[in-house]
Protein backbone atom coordinates (compact mmCIF):
# COMPACT_ATOMS: atom_id res chain seq x y z
CA UNK A 1 0.18 0.03 -0.04
CA UNK A 2 1.26 3.40 -0.99
CA UNK A 3 1.63 5.74 2.00
CA UNK A 4 2.32 9.37 2.15
CA UNK A 5 5.35 11.44 2.18
CA UNK A 6 6.33 15.30 2.91
CA UNK A 7 9.12 16.40 1.77
CA UNK A 8 10.55 19.95 1.84
CA UNK A 9 11.91 21.51 -1.22
CA UNK A 10 12.89 24.85 -1.95
CA UNK A 11 10.63 26.46 -3.97
CA UNK A 12 13.07 26.99 -7.37
CA UNK A 13 13.40 22.80 -6.78
CA UNK A 14 9.82 22.94 -6.65
CA UNK A 15 9.18 24.98 -9.65
CA UNK A 16 12.01 23.25 -12.06
CA UNK A 17 9.94 19.68 -10.52
CA UNK A 18 6.90 21.74 -12.09
CA UNK A 19 8.20 22.32 -14.88
CA UNK A 20 9.56 18.82 -15.86
CA UNK A 21 6.07 17.40 -14.85
CA UNK A 22 4.56 19.85 -17.49
CA UNK A 23 7.21 19.78 -20.51
CA UNK A 24 6.63 15.51 -19.97
CA UNK A 25 2.89 15.44 -19.15
CA UNK A 26 3.38 14.01 -15.97
CA UNK A 27 2.80 13.83 -12.28
CA UNK A 28 5.26 15.49 -10.05
CA UNK A 29 4.37 12.57 -7.62
CA UNK A 30 5.09 9.85 -10.76
CA UNK A 31 8.59 11.80 -11.19
CA UNK A 32 9.24 11.81 -7.58
CA UNK A 33 8.68 7.95 -7.25
CA UNK A 34 10.48 7.46 -9.93
CA UNK A 35 13.36 9.48 -9.20
CA UNK A 36 13.62 7.74 -5.52
CA UNK A 37 13.18 4.32 -7.27
CA UNK A 38 16.55 5.20 -9.02
CA UNK A 39 18.32 6.49 -6.35
CA UNK A 40 17.79 3.31 -4.08
CA UNK A 41 19.06 1.29 -7.34
CA UNK A 42 22.12 3.29 -7.80
CA UNK A 43 22.65 3.36 -3.75
CA UNK A 44 22.28 -0.58 -4.13
CA UNK A 45 24.54 -0.81 -6.97
CA UNK A 46 27.09 0.94 -5.22
CA UNK A 47 27.10 -1.10 -1.69
CA UNK A 48 27.62 -4.44 -4.34
CA UNK A 49 30.09 -2.97 -6.59
CA UNK A 50 32.08 -2.29 -3.46
CA UNK A 51 32.05 -6.07 -1.95
CA UNK A 52 33.17 -7.05 -5.56
CA UNK A 53 35.84 -4.77 -6.35
CA UNK A 54 38.35 -6.76 -4.25
CA UNK A 55 37.31 -10.15 -5.53
CA UNK A 56 37.34 -8.10 -8.88
CA UNK A 57 40.81 -6.09 -8.63
CA UNK A 58 42.28 -9.93 -7.46
CA UNK A 59 41.35 -11.46 -11.19
CA UNK A 60 42.55 -8.36 -13.00
CA UNK A 61 39.73 -6.39 -13.77
CA UNK A 62 40.26 -3.29 -12.66
CA UNK A 63 38.51 -1.37 -15.65
CA UNK A 64 34.82 -1.40 -17.48
CA UNK A 65 36.34 -2.25 -20.36
CA UNK A 66 38.10 -5.45 -18.68
CA UNK A 67 34.81 -6.54 -17.57
CA UNK A 68 33.42 -6.27 -21.04
CA UNK A 69 36.25 -8.00 -22.75
CA UNK A 70 35.76 -11.04 -20.24
CA UNK A 71 31.91 -11.17 -21.40
CA UNK A 72 32.77 -11.52 -25.36
C-alpha cells in the first residue's frame, strides 16, 4: 500500500520539478517516485560494487573495459 510522504524542498526546486512534469505530461509525484527508485537502485549498485571490487581486482578486472572483454 502506498503511503504519503512529506518532503520539504526549496521553491526553486519545486518550480523546476513542476516545469519538468508539465513538459513530460506527468504527475510530480510520479517523477519523484521514479527518482527515488533510481536513487535506491544506484545506492544498491554502489554497495554491491564495493563488495565485489576486491574480488574483481584480484582477477585483474580493474576497468569496465576489462569486464566487457571478459564477457565477450
